[in-house]
């Protein structure tokens, strides 16, 4: 079967840009491209060099909605109702989950809250269990980190590195796995992002964390 590489790549760029809440102007600025050139890339009319990107992923079968995310209605429920956490002090496991989308301020709130818990422990004493399976927009479709969320997540992980020996993250997509791998490279914390069938993913997480279960994060 013939695949038009430029069209395939352009569609993927358009989907990921939309689901990260970025405008063409914003992405063009971050990529060092003219907006009209980027528009041509998304339409499959222009070429672009692939630097620091997984070519395998860009042409994978995973597809996102092209409906823009990070819209006002995506934040109608207060973050304090969408962010849950639990500390299992005996097993030294700190678990937290987020429903819906994150803003930069949300990441800062999580950091302050969780660092307050971590400060009662010594360096490397905790293991982190993170649930991003329900990181979805109001249309019910998965999203990816916006640029500001990704940037602040790096700082967030660097702070947690002082107290944690390992982090396991349940992801909502293959692309989120790629995002977390990049964040891990920059933050230095040993993070294992997982994506797949729900039961298998949760079971693998329990095994990696050496636990039999978790009261907060379970199979859907």
N, C-alpha and C. Protein backbone atom coordinates (compact mmCIF):
# COMPACT_ATOMS: atom_id res chain seq x y z
N UNK A 1 0.84 -1.19 0.00
CA UNK A 1 0.00 0.00 0.00
C UNK A 1 0.88 1.24 0.00
N UNK A 2 0.60 2.17 -0.88
CA UNK A 2 1.37 3.41 -0.98
C UNK A 2 0.97 4.38 0.13
N UNK A 3 1.97 4.93 0.80
CA UNK A 3 1.73 5.91 1.86
C UNK A 3 2.39 7.22 1.47
N UNK A 4 1.62 8.27 1.44
CA UNK A 4 2.17 9.59 1.18
C UNK A 4 2.78 10.09 2.48
N UNK A 5 4.11 10.06 2.55
CA UNK A 5 4.80 10.36 3.80
C UNK A 5 4.52 11.77 4.28
N UNK A 6 4.51 12.73 3.36
CA UNK A 6 4.29 14.11 3.78
C UNK A 6 2.89 14.31 4.33
N UNK A 7 1.89 13.69 3.68
CA UNK A 7 0.52 13.80 4.19
C UNK A 7 0.38 13.12 5.54
N UNK A 8 0.98 11.93 5.68
CA UNK A 8 0.91 11.18 6.93
C UNK A 8 1.57 11.97 8.07
N UNK A 9 2.74 12.51 7.79
CA UNK A 9 3.45 13.28 8.81
C UNK A 9 2.69 14.56 9.15
N UNK A 10 2.17 15.23 8.13
CA UNK A 10 1.43 16.47 8.36
C UNK A 10 0.20 16.25 9.20
N UNK A 11 -0.51 15.15 8.96
CA UNK A 11 -1.70 14.84 9.76
C UNK A 11 -1.32 14.60 11.22
N UNK A 12 -0.22 13.88 11.45
CA UNK A 12 0.21 13.61 12.82
C UNK A 12 0.59 14.91 13.54
N UNK A 13 1.30 15.80 12.85
CA UNK A 13 1.68 17.08 13.46
C UNK A 13 0.43 17.88 13.83
N UNK A 14 -0.55 17.91 12.94
CA UNK A 14 -1.79 18.65 13.19
C UNK A 14 -2.54 18.09 14.38
N UNK A 15 -2.63 16.75 14.48
CA UNK A 15 -3.33 16.12 15.60
C UNK A 15 -2.65 16.44 16.94
N UNK A 16 -1.35 16.26 16.99
CA UNK A 16 -0.63 16.46 18.25
C UNK A 16 -0.62 17.92 18.65
N UNK A 17 -0.53 18.80 17.67
CA UNK A 17 -0.59 20.24 17.99
C UNK A 17 -1.94 20.57 18.61
N UNK A 18 -3.01 20.06 18.00
CA UNK A 18 -4.36 20.35 18.50
C UNK A 18 -4.57 19.79 19.90
N UNK A 19 -4.10 18.58 20.14
CA UNK A 19 -4.35 17.94 21.44
C UNK A 19 -3.42 18.45 22.53
N UNK A 20 -2.41 19.24 22.16
CA UNK A 20 -1.57 19.88 23.18
C UNK A 20 -1.98 21.32 23.40
N UNK A 21 -3.05 21.75 22.70
CA UNK A 21 -3.57 23.10 22.89
C UNK A 21 -2.75 24.19 22.24
N UNK A 22 -1.91 23.84 21.29
CA UNK A 22 -1.04 24.83 20.66
C UNK A 22 -1.66 25.37 19.37
N UNK A 23 -1.47 26.65 19.13
CA UNK A 23 -1.85 27.24 17.85
C UNK A 23 -0.71 27.01 16.86
N UNK A 24 -0.98 27.24 15.58
CA UNK A 24 0.09 27.14 14.60
C UNK A 24 1.18 28.16 14.89
N UNK A 25 0.79 29.35 15.32
CA UNK A 25 1.77 30.39 15.63
C UNK A 25 2.70 29.95 16.76
N UNK A 26 2.13 29.34 17.80
CA UNK A 26 2.92 28.92 18.94
C UNK A 26 3.90 27.81 18.57
N UNK A 27 3.41 26.80 17.84
CA UNK A 27 4.28 25.71 17.43
C UNK A 27 5.36 26.20 16.48
N UNK A 28 4.99 27.06 15.54
CA UNK A 28 5.97 27.59 14.60
C UNK A 28 7.09 28.34 15.33
N UNK A 29 6.70 29.11 16.34
CA UNK A 29 7.70 29.86 17.11
C UNK A 29 8.65 28.91 17.83
N UNK A 30 8.12 27.88 18.46
CA UNK A 30 8.95 26.93 19.21
C UNK A 30 9.83 26.10 18.29
N UNK A 31 9.34 25.87 17.07
CA UNK A 31 10.11 25.06 16.11
C UNK A 31 11.05 25.90 15.25
N UNK A 32 10.95 27.22 15.38
CA UNK A 32 11.80 28.09 14.56
C UNK A 32 11.40 28.10 13.09
N UNK A 33 10.10 27.99 12.85
CA UNK A 33 9.59 27.97 11.49
C UNK A 33 8.62 29.13 11.28
N UNK A 34 8.45 29.52 10.05
CA UNK A 34 7.41 30.49 9.71
C UNK A 34 6.05 29.80 9.79
N UNK A 35 5.04 30.52 10.26
CA UNK A 35 3.73 29.89 10.42
C UNK A 35 3.19 29.35 9.11
N UNK A 36 3.37 30.09 8.02
CA UNK A 36 2.86 29.63 6.73
C UNK A 36 3.57 28.35 6.27
N UNK A 37 4.85 28.24 6.64
CA UNK A 37 5.60 27.02 6.29
C UNK A 37 5.04 25.83 7.08
N UNK A 38 4.79 26.07 8.38
CA UNK A 38 4.21 25.01 9.21
C UNK A 38 2.85 24.61 8.69
N UNK A 39 2.05 25.57 8.26
CA UNK A 39 0.74 25.26 7.69
C UNK A 39 0.89 24.35 6.49
N UNK A 40 1.91 24.60 5.68
CA UNK A 40 2.17 23.74 4.53
C UNK A 40 2.59 22.34 4.94
N UNK A 41 3.35 22.24 6.04
CA UNK A 41 3.74 20.92 6.56
C UNK A 41 2.50 20.14 6.96
N UNK A 42 1.59 20.79 7.68
CA UNK A 42 0.38 20.11 8.15
C UNK A 42 -0.51 19.69 6.98
N UNK A 43 -0.47 20.42 5.88
CA UNK A 43 -1.28 20.05 4.70
C UNK A 43 -0.57 19.03 3.82
N UNK A 44 0.65 18.65 4.21
CA UNK A 44 1.39 17.67 3.42
C UNK A 44 2.04 18.25 2.19
N UNK A 45 2.22 19.57 2.18
CA UNK A 45 2.78 20.24 1.02
C UNK A 45 4.25 20.61 1.20
N UNK A 46 4.75 20.53 2.42
CA UNK A 46 6.13 20.94 2.72
C UNK A 46 6.86 19.83 3.46
N UNK A 47 8.18 19.82 3.30
CA UNK A 47 9.03 18.90 4.05
C UNK A 47 9.55 19.59 5.29
N UNK A 48 9.96 18.79 6.28
CA UNK A 48 10.59 19.34 7.47
C UNK A 48 11.57 18.30 7.98
N UNK A 49 12.71 18.76 8.47
CA UNK A 49 13.71 17.85 9.02
C UNK A 49 13.23 17.30 10.35
N UNK A 50 13.45 16.02 10.58
CA UNK A 50 13.03 15.38 11.82
C UNK A 50 14.22 15.33 12.77
N UNK A 51 14.17 16.16 13.81
CA UNK A 51 15.24 16.20 14.80
C UNK A 51 14.63 15.94 16.16
N UNK A 52 15.24 15.05 16.95
CA UNK A 52 14.76 14.73 18.31
C UNK A 52 13.30 14.29 18.31
N UNK A 53 12.95 13.47 17.35
CA UNK A 53 11.59 12.95 17.28
C UNK A 53 11.67 11.49 16.88
N UNK A 54 10.79 10.67 17.41
CA UNK A 54 10.75 9.26 17.07
C UNK A 54 10.04 9.08 15.73
N UNK A 55 10.81 8.76 14.70
CA UNK A 55 10.21 8.55 13.39
C UNK A 55 9.24 7.38 13.43
N UNK A 56 9.61 6.34 14.20
CA UNK A 56 8.73 5.18 14.34
C UNK A 56 7.37 5.59 14.86
N UNK A 57 7.35 6.46 15.90
CA UNK A 57 6.07 6.88 16.45
C UNK A 57 5.30 7.76 15.48
N UNK A 58 5.99 8.69 14.81
CA UNK A 58 5.29 9.63 13.94
C UNK A 58 4.50 8.92 12.85
N UNK A 59 4.91 7.70 12.52
CA UNK A 59 4.19 6.96 11.49
C UNK A 59 3.51 5.71 12.06
N UNK A 60 3.25 5.73 13.38
CA UNK A 60 2.55 4.61 14.00
C UNK A 60 1.06 4.72 13.69
N UNK A 61 0.31 3.69 14.09
CA UNK A 61 -1.13 3.66 13.80
C UNK A 61 -1.95 4.47 14.79
N UNK A 62 -1.33 4.95 15.88
CA UNK A 62 -2.08 5.70 16.88
C UNK A 62 -2.57 7.02 16.29
N UNK A 63 -3.83 7.32 16.58
CA UNK A 63 -4.41 8.55 16.06
C UNK A 63 -5.11 9.31 17.17
N UNK A 64 -5.02 10.64 17.09
CA UNK A 64 -5.70 11.52 18.02
C UNK A 64 -6.78 12.30 17.28
N UNK A 65 -7.75 12.78 18.05
CA UNK A 65 -8.72 13.71 17.49
C UNK A 65 -7.98 14.99 17.09
N UNK A 66 -8.45 15.63 16.04
CA UNK A 66 -7.85 16.91 15.62
C UNK A 66 -8.61 18.09 16.22
N UNK A 67 -9.59 17.79 17.11
CA UNK A 67 -10.31 18.86 17.79
C UNK A 67 -9.39 19.50 18.83
N UNK A 68 -9.25 20.82 18.82
CA UNK A 68 -8.35 21.48 19.78
C UNK A 68 -8.72 21.17 21.23
N UNK A 69 -7.72 20.89 22.03
CA UNK A 69 -7.91 20.67 23.47
C UNK A 69 -7.39 21.88 24.24
N UNK A 70 -7.46 21.80 25.55
CA UNK A 70 -7.06 22.90 26.44
C UNK A 70 -7.94 24.13 26.21
N UNK A 71 -9.23 23.85 26.03
CA UNK A 71 -10.22 24.91 25.89
C UNK A 71 -10.86 25.18 27.26
N UNK A 72 -11.54 26.33 27.43
CA UNK A 72 -12.13 26.67 28.74
C UNK A 72 -13.00 25.57 29.34
N UNK A 73 -13.79 24.88 28.50
CA UNK A 73 -14.69 23.85 29.05
C UNK A 73 -13.93 22.62 29.54
N UNK A 74 -12.64 22.52 29.19
CA UNK A 74 -11.83 21.41 29.69
C UNK A 74 -11.45 21.61 31.16
N UNK A 75 -11.70 22.79 31.69
CA UNK A 75 -11.31 23.10 33.06
C UNK A 75 -12.50 23.53 33.92
N UNK A 76 -13.68 23.07 33.54
CA UNK A 76 -14.89 23.46 34.27
C UNK A 76 -14.95 22.86 35.67
N UNK A 77 -14.35 21.69 35.86
CA UNK A 77 -14.30 21.06 37.18
C UNK A 77 -13.01 21.50 37.88
N UNK A 78 -13.10 22.02 39.11
CA UNK A 78 -11.90 22.49 39.81
C UNK A 78 -10.83 21.40 39.91
N UNK A 79 -9.59 21.82 39.83
CA UNK A 79 -8.50 20.85 39.85
C UNK A 79 -8.45 20.08 41.16
N UNK A 80 -8.83 20.70 42.25
CA UNK A 80 -8.82 20.01 43.54
C UNK A 80 -9.76 18.82 43.58
N UNK A 81 -10.74 18.79 42.67
CA UNK A 81 -11.65 17.65 42.58
C UNK A 81 -11.16 16.61 41.59
N UNK A 82 -10.16 16.96 40.81
CA UNK A 82 -9.64 16.05 39.78
C UNK A 82 -8.28 15.46 40.14
N UNK A 83 -7.69 15.96 41.21
CA UNK A 83 -6.37 15.52 41.65
C UNK A 83 -6.53 14.75 42.96
N UNK A 84 -6.14 13.47 42.96
CA UNK A 84 -6.23 12.62 44.14
C UNK A 84 -4.85 12.03 44.45
N UNK A 85 -4.58 11.87 45.73
CA UNK A 85 -3.30 11.27 46.11
C UNK A 85 -3.46 10.45 47.37
N UNK A 86 -2.53 9.53 47.57
CA UNK A 86 -2.56 8.66 48.74
C UNK A 86 -1.15 8.23 49.08
N UNK A 87 -0.82 8.23 50.35
CA UNK A 87 0.48 7.76 50.82
C UNK A 87 0.29 6.45 51.57
N UNK A 88 0.99 5.43 51.10
CA UNK A 88 1.06 4.17 51.84
C UNK A 88 2.40 4.21 52.58
N UNK A 89 2.35 4.68 53.82
CA UNK A 89 3.58 4.90 54.58
C UNK A 89 4.33 3.60 54.87
N UNK A 90 3.59 2.51 55.05
CA UNK A 90 4.24 1.23 55.35
C UNK A 90 5.07 0.73 54.17
N UNK A 91 4.50 0.83 52.97
CA UNK A 91 5.20 0.36 51.78
C UNK A 91 6.04 1.46 51.13
N UNK A 92 5.93 2.68 51.66
CA UNK A 92 6.66 3.83 51.13
C UNK A 92 6.30 4.09 49.66
N UNK A 93 5.00 4.05 49.36
CA UNK A 93 4.52 4.31 48.01
C UNK A 93 3.60 5.54 48.03
N UNK A 94 3.94 6.53 47.24
CA UNK A 94 3.10 7.72 47.10
C UNK A 94 2.41 7.64 45.74
N UNK A 95 1.08 7.52 45.75
CA UNK A 95 0.31 7.39 44.52
C UNK A 95 -0.50 8.66 44.29
N UNK A 96 -0.61 9.06 43.03
CA UNK A 96 -1.50 10.17 42.71
C UNK A 96 -2.03 10.02 41.30
N UNK A 97 -3.21 10.58 41.08
CA UNK A 97 -3.85 10.50 39.77
C UNK A 97 -4.49 11.83 39.42
N UNK A 98 -4.57 12.07 38.12
CA UNK A 98 -5.18 13.29 37.61
C UNK A 98 -6.24 12.93 36.59
N UNK A 99 -7.43 13.47 36.77
CA UNK A 99 -8.50 13.32 35.80
C UNK A 99 -8.59 14.63 35.01
N UNK A 100 -8.67 14.53 33.71
CA UNK A 100 -8.75 15.74 32.90
C UNK A 100 -7.39 16.34 32.61
N UNK A 101 -7.39 17.61 32.28
CA UNK A 101 -6.19 18.28 31.81
C UNK A 101 -5.46 19.03 32.91
N UNK A 102 -4.20 19.29 32.66
CA UNK A 102 -3.35 20.04 33.57
C UNK A 102 -3.00 21.40 33.00
N UNK A 103 -2.85 22.37 33.87
CA UNK A 103 -2.27 23.66 33.50
C UNK A 103 -0.92 23.76 34.22
N UNK A 104 -0.15 24.77 33.88
CA UNK A 104 1.11 24.98 34.58
C UNK A 104 0.89 25.21 36.06
N UNK A 105 -0.15 25.98 36.41
CA UNK A 105 -0.47 26.23 37.82
C UNK A 105 -0.87 24.95 38.53
N UNK A 106 -1.56 24.04 37.81
CA UNK A 106 -1.93 22.76 38.40
C UNK A 106 -0.69 21.95 38.76
N UNK A 107 0.30 21.96 37.88
CA UNK A 107 1.55 21.23 38.15
C UNK A 107 2.22 21.82 39.39
N UNK A 108 2.22 23.14 39.49
CA UNK A 108 2.82 23.79 40.66
C UNK A 108 2.08 23.41 41.94
N UNK A 109 0.74 23.33 41.86
CA UNK A 109 -0.07 22.93 43.02
C UNK A 109 0.26 21.50 43.43
N UNK A 110 0.35 20.60 42.45
CA UNK A 110 0.70 19.21 42.74
C UNK A 110 2.07 19.13 43.40
N UNK A 111 3.01 19.89 42.84
CA UNK A 111 4.38 19.87 43.37
C UNK A 111 4.40 20.31 44.83
N UNK A 112 3.72 21.40 45.13
CA UNK A 112 3.70 21.91 46.51
C UNK A 112 3.04 20.90 47.45
N UNK A 113 1.93 20.31 47.01
CA UNK A 113 1.21 19.35 47.84
C UNK A 113 2.04 18.09 48.09
N UNK A 114 2.59 17.52 47.03
CA UNK A 114 3.31 16.26 47.16
C UNK A 114 4.67 16.44 47.82
N UNK A 115 5.31 17.58 47.56
CA UNK A 115 6.60 17.83 48.21
C UNK A 115 6.42 18.00 49.71
N UNK A 116 5.25 18.49 50.12
CA UNK A 116 4.96 18.59 51.55
C UNK A 116 4.93 17.22 52.20
N UNK A 117 4.43 16.22 51.46
CA UNK A 117 4.40 14.84 51.96
C UNK A 117 5.81 14.25 51.93
N UNK A 118 6.51 14.46 50.82
CA UNK A 118 7.84 13.88 50.64
C UNK A 118 8.84 14.37 51.69
N UNK A 119 8.64 15.59 52.17
CA UNK A 119 9.61 16.19 53.09
C UNK A 119 9.72 15.43 54.41
N UNK A 120 8.78 14.54 54.68
CA UNK A 120 8.83 13.74 55.91
C UNK A 120 9.70 12.50 55.74
N UNK A 121 10.22 12.31 54.53
CA UNK A 121 11.03 11.12 54.24
C UNK A 121 12.44 11.51 53.82
N UNK A 122 13.32 10.53 53.84
CA UNK A 122 14.69 10.75 53.43
C UNK A 122 14.88 10.56 51.94
N UNK A 123 16.06 10.85 51.47
CA UNK A 123 16.37 10.74 50.05
C UNK A 123 16.19 9.31 49.55
N UNK A 124 15.44 9.16 48.46
CA UNK A 124 15.25 7.86 47.83
C UNK A 124 14.40 6.88 48.59
N UNK A 125 13.64 7.33 49.58
CA UNK A 125 12.85 6.41 50.41
C UNK A 125 11.48 6.08 49.81
N UNK A 126 11.00 6.90 48.88
CA UNK A 126 9.66 6.69 48.34
C UNK A 126 9.70 6.13 46.92
N UNK A 127 8.62 5.44 46.58
CA UNK A 127 8.36 5.05 45.19
C UNK A 127 7.08 5.75 44.74
N UNK A 128 7.06 6.21 43.52
CA UNK A 128 5.92 6.97 43.01
C UNK A 128 5.09 6.13 42.06
N UNK A 129 3.77 6.27 42.20
CA UNK A 129 2.82 5.57 41.33
C UNK A 129 1.88 6.64 40.78
N UNK A 130 1.94 6.87 39.47
CA UNK A 130 1.22 7.98 38.84
C UNK A 130 0.22 7.44 37.83
N UNK A 131 -0.98 7.98 37.85
CA UNK A 131 -2.06 7.53 36.96
C UNK A 131 -2.52 8.67 36.05
N UNK A 132 -2.16 8.57 34.76
CA UNK A 132 -2.58 9.55 33.76
C UNK A 132 -3.57 8.94 32.76
N UNK A 133 -4.16 7.80 33.09
CA UNK A 133 -5.05 7.13 32.13
C UNK A 133 -6.25 8.00 31.77
N UNK A 134 -6.72 8.80 32.72
CA UNK A 134 -7.91 9.62 32.47
C UNK A 134 -7.55 11.07 32.17
N UNK A 135 -6.35 11.28 31.67
CA UNK A 135 -5.98 12.63 31.23
C UNK A 135 -6.60 12.84 29.85
N UNK A 136 -7.88 13.26 29.88
CA UNK A 136 -8.67 13.41 28.66
C UNK A 136 -9.37 14.76 28.67
N UNK A 137 -9.65 15.25 27.48
CA UNK A 137 -10.37 16.52 27.36
C UNK A 137 -11.86 16.29 27.59
N UNK A 138 -12.64 17.36 27.55
CA UNK A 138 -14.07 17.25 27.79
C UNK A 138 -14.78 16.45 26.71
N UNK A 139 -14.12 16.25 25.56
CA UNK A 139 -14.72 15.43 24.50
C UNK A 139 -14.47 13.94 24.71
N UNK A 140 -13.79 13.60 25.82
CA UNK A 140 -13.54 12.20 26.14
C UNK A 140 -12.34 11.61 25.45
N UNK A 141 -11.63 12.41 24.66
CA UNK A 141 -10.49 11.91 23.90
C UNK A 141 -9.19 12.25 24.64
N UNK A 142 -8.17 11.38 24.53
CA UNK A 142 -6.89 11.64 25.19
C UNK A 142 -6.23 12.93 24.68
N UNK A 143 -5.42 13.51 25.54
CA UNK A 143 -4.63 14.68 25.16
C UNK A 143 -3.18 14.39 25.49
N UNK A 144 -2.31 15.30 25.11
CA UNK A 144 -0.91 15.21 25.46
C UNK A 144 -0.54 16.45 26.26
N UNK A 145 0.62 16.43 26.89
CA UNK A 145 1.04 17.59 27.67
C UNK A 145 1.16 18.82 26.78
N UNK A 146 0.69 19.94 27.29
CA UNK A 146 0.95 21.21 26.61
C UNK A 146 2.42 21.56 26.87
N UNK A 147 3.01 22.45 26.08
CA UNK A 147 4.42 22.81 26.29
C UNK A 147 4.72 23.30 27.70
N UNK A 148 3.85 24.16 28.26
CA UNK A 148 4.13 24.68 29.59
C UNK A 148 4.02 23.60 30.65
N UNK A 149 3.10 22.65 30.47
CA UNK A 149 2.96 21.54 31.42
C UNK A 149 4.19 20.64 31.34
N UNK A 150 4.65 20.35 30.12
CA UNK A 150 5.84 19.51 29.95
C UNK A 150 7.06 20.16 30.60
N UNK A 151 7.21 21.48 30.40
CA UNK A 151 8.36 22.18 30.99
C UNK A 151 8.32 22.14 32.51
N UNK A 152 7.14 22.38 33.09
CA UNK A 152 7.04 22.40 34.55
C UNK A 152 7.12 20.99 35.13
N UNK A 153 6.72 19.99 34.33
CA UNK A 153 6.82 18.61 34.80
C UNK A 153 8.27 18.21 35.00
N UNK A 154 9.17 18.78 34.20
CA UNK A 154 10.60 18.49 34.36
C UNK A 154 11.08 18.99 35.71
N UNK A 155 10.71 20.24 36.06
CA UNK A 155 11.09 20.81 37.35
C UNK A 155 10.44 20.02 38.49
N UNK A 156 9.18 19.60 38.29
CA UNK A 156 8.44 18.82 39.28
C UNK A 156 9.18 17.51 39.57
N UNK A 157 9.59 16.81 38.52
CA UNK A 157 10.28 15.54 38.70
C UNK A 157 11.65 15.73 39.34
N UNK A 158 12.32 16.81 39.02
CA UNK A 158 13.62 17.05 39.64
C UNK A 158 13.48 17.23 41.15
N UNK A 159 12.39 17.88 41.58
CA UNK A 159 12.15 18.03 43.01
C UNK A 159 11.86 16.69 43.67
N UNK A 160 11.04 15.87 43.00
CA UNK A 160 10.69 14.57 43.55
C UNK A 160 11.89 13.63 43.60
N UNK A 161 12.87 13.86 42.72
CA UNK A 161 14.06 13.02 42.65
C UNK A 161 14.78 12.96 44.00
N UNK A 162 14.64 14.01 44.79
CA UNK A 162 15.31 14.04 46.08
C UNK A 162 14.77 12.97 47.03
N UNK A 163 13.54 12.54 46.80
CA UNK A 163 12.89 11.63 47.74
C UNK A 163 12.50 10.27 47.15
N UNK A 164 12.52 10.13 45.85
CA UNK A 164 12.01 8.90 45.24
C UNK A 164 13.10 8.11 44.53
N UNK A 165 12.93 6.80 44.59
CA UNK A 165 13.89 5.90 43.94
C UNK A 165 13.39 5.41 42.60
N UNK A 166 12.07 5.45 42.40
CA UNK A 166 11.49 4.95 41.14
C UNK A 166 10.11 5.54 40.96
N UNK A 167 9.72 5.75 39.70
CA UNK A 167 8.37 6.21 39.40
C UNK A 167 7.79 5.35 38.28
N UNK A 168 6.56 4.92 38.45
CA UNK A 168 5.84 4.18 37.41
C UNK A 168 4.61 4.99 37.03
N UNK A 169 4.43 5.23 35.74
CA UNK A 169 3.35 6.09 35.27
C UNK A 169 2.46 5.33 34.30
N UNK A 170 1.16 5.30 34.58
CA UNK A 170 0.18 4.72 33.65
C UNK A 170 -0.22 5.80 32.66
N UNK A 171 0.00 5.56 31.38
CA UNK A 171 -0.19 6.58 30.34
C UNK A 171 -1.48 6.37 29.56
N UNK A 172 -1.92 7.42 28.88
CA UNK A 172 -3.16 7.36 28.10
C UNK A 172 -2.90 7.11 26.62
N UNK A 173 -1.63 7.07 26.20
CA UNK A 173 -1.32 6.92 24.78
C UNK A 173 0.16 6.58 24.60
N UNK A 174 0.49 6.11 23.40
CA UNK A 174 1.90 5.88 23.06
C UNK A 174 2.67 7.19 23.11
N UNK A 175 2.02 8.26 22.67
CA UNK A 175 2.73 9.53 22.62
C UNK A 175 3.09 10.03 24.01
N UNK A 176 2.21 9.80 24.98
CA UNK A 176 2.52 10.23 26.34
C UNK A 176 3.72 9.46 26.87
N UNK A 177 3.85 8.21 26.46
CA UNK A 177 5.04 7.44 26.82
C UNK A 177 6.30 8.14 26.30
N UNK A 178 6.25 8.59 25.04
CA UNK A 178 7.40 9.29 24.45
C UNK A 178 7.67 10.60 25.19
N UNK A 179 6.61 11.34 25.54
CA UNK A 179 6.80 12.58 26.28
C UNK A 179 7.48 12.33 27.62
N UNK A 180 7.04 11.30 28.34
CA UNK A 180 7.60 11.02 29.65
C UNK A 180 9.05 10.54 29.55
N UNK A 181 9.37 9.83 28.49
CA UNK A 181 10.77 9.41 28.30
C UNK A 181 11.66 10.62 28.11
N UNK A 182 11.17 11.63 27.39
CA UNK A 182 11.96 12.85 27.21
C UNK A 182 12.11 13.59 28.54
N UNK A 183 11.00 13.68 29.29
CA UNK A 183 11.06 14.35 30.59
C UNK A 183 12.02 13.62 31.52
N UNK A 184 12.01 12.27 31.45
CA UNK A 184 12.91 11.48 32.28
C UNK A 184 14.37 11.76 31.95
N UNK A 185 14.67 11.87 30.64
CA UNK A 185 16.04 12.16 30.23
C UNK A 185 16.52 13.49 30.80
N UNK A 186 15.62 14.46 30.89
CA UNK A 186 16.01 15.78 31.37
C UNK A 186 15.99 15.88 32.88
N UNK A 187 15.11 15.12 33.54
CA UNK A 187 14.99 15.23 34.99
C UNK A 187 15.95 14.29 35.72
N UNK A 188 16.22 13.14 35.12
CA UNK A 188 17.14 12.19 35.74
C UNK A 188 16.49 11.15 36.62
N UNK A 189 15.20 11.29 36.93
CA UNK A 189 14.54 10.33 37.80
C UNK A 189 14.20 9.06 37.02
N UNK A 190 14.47 7.87 37.58
CA UNK A 190 14.15 6.62 36.89
C UNK A 190 12.63 6.47 36.78
N UNK A 191 12.09 6.71 35.62
CA UNK A 191 10.64 6.66 35.40
C UNK A 191 10.30 5.58 34.39
N UNK A 192 9.27 4.79 34.70
CA UNK A 192 8.83 3.74 33.79
C UNK A 192 7.42 4.07 33.32
N UNK A 193 7.27 4.60 32.09
CA UNK A 193 5.93 4.87 31.56
C UNK A 193 5.34 3.62 30.92
N UNK A 194 4.08 3.33 31.21
CA UNK A 194 3.42 2.14 30.70
C UNK A 194 2.18 2.51 29.91
N UNK A 195 1.93 1.79 28.82
CA UNK A 195 0.70 1.96 28.07
C UNK A 195 0.33 0.64 27.43
N UNK A 196 -0.94 0.28 27.53
CA UNK A 196 -1.40 -0.97 26.96
C UNK A 196 -2.75 -1.35 27.52
N UNK A 197 -3.06 -2.64 27.47
CA UNK A 197 -4.33 -3.11 28.03
C UNK A 197 -4.36 -2.81 29.52
N UNK A 198 -5.48 -2.30 30.00
CA UNK A 198 -5.55 -1.77 31.36
C UNK A 198 -5.11 -2.78 32.42
N UNK A 199 -5.64 -3.96 32.36
CA UNK A 199 -5.32 -4.97 33.37
C UNK A 199 -3.84 -5.31 33.36
N UNK A 200 -3.27 -5.45 32.16
CA UNK A 200 -1.85 -5.78 32.05
C UNK A 200 -0.98 -4.63 32.56
N UNK A 201 -1.38 -3.41 32.20
CA UNK A 201 -0.62 -2.23 32.58
C UNK A 201 -0.57 -2.07 34.11
N UNK A 202 -1.73 -2.17 34.76
CA UNK A 202 -1.78 -2.03 36.21
C UNK A 202 -1.03 -3.16 36.89
N UNK A 203 -1.19 -4.37 36.38
CA UNK A 203 -0.48 -5.51 36.96
C UNK A 203 1.03 -5.36 36.86
N UNK A 204 1.50 -4.86 35.72
CA UNK A 204 2.93 -4.63 35.55
C UNK A 204 3.43 -3.56 36.51
N UNK A 205 2.61 -2.52 36.71
CA UNK A 205 2.99 -1.45 37.63
C UNK A 205 3.12 -1.99 39.05
N UNK A 206 2.16 -2.80 39.49
CA UNK A 206 2.24 -3.39 40.83
C UNK A 206 3.54 -4.20 40.98
N UNK A 207 3.86 -4.95 39.93
CA UNK A 207 5.06 -5.78 39.99
C UNK A 207 6.32 -4.93 40.07
N UNK A 208 6.38 -3.88 39.28
CA UNK A 208 7.56 -3.01 39.28
C UNK A 208 7.74 -2.31 40.61
N UNK A 209 6.62 -1.99 41.26
CA UNK A 209 6.68 -1.30 42.55
C UNK A 209 6.73 -2.27 43.73
N UNK A 210 6.66 -3.56 43.41
CA UNK A 210 6.72 -4.61 44.43
C UNK A 210 5.58 -4.46 45.44
N UNK A 211 4.35 -4.29 44.92
CA UNK A 211 3.17 -4.18 45.77
C UNK A 211 2.10 -5.14 45.25
N UNK A 212 1.16 -5.50 46.10
CA UNK A 212 0.08 -6.41 45.71
C UNK A 212 -1.16 -5.66 45.22
N UNK A 213 -1.20 -4.37 45.44
CA UNK A 213 -2.33 -3.57 45.03
C UNK A 213 -2.18 -2.16 45.55
N UNK A 214 -3.17 -1.32 45.22
CA UNK A 214 -3.14 0.06 45.66
C UNK A 214 -4.59 0.54 45.81
N UNK A 215 -4.90 1.18 46.92
CA UNK A 215 -6.28 1.61 47.18
C UNK A 215 -6.74 2.72 46.24
N UNK A 216 -5.81 3.49 45.69
CA UNK A 216 -6.18 4.60 44.82
C UNK A 216 -6.19 4.21 43.35
N UNK A 217 -5.14 3.54 42.91
CA UNK A 217 -4.98 3.21 41.49
C UNK A 217 -5.24 1.74 41.26
N UNK A 218 -6.33 1.47 40.54
CA UNK A 218 -6.76 0.10 40.31
C UNK A 218 -7.11 -0.10 38.84
N UNK A 219 -7.43 -1.34 38.49
CA UNK A 219 -7.90 -1.64 37.13
C UNK A 219 -9.26 -0.97 36.94
N UNK A 220 -9.45 -0.29 35.82
CA UNK A 220 -10.72 0.36 35.52
C UNK A 220 -11.82 -0.67 35.32
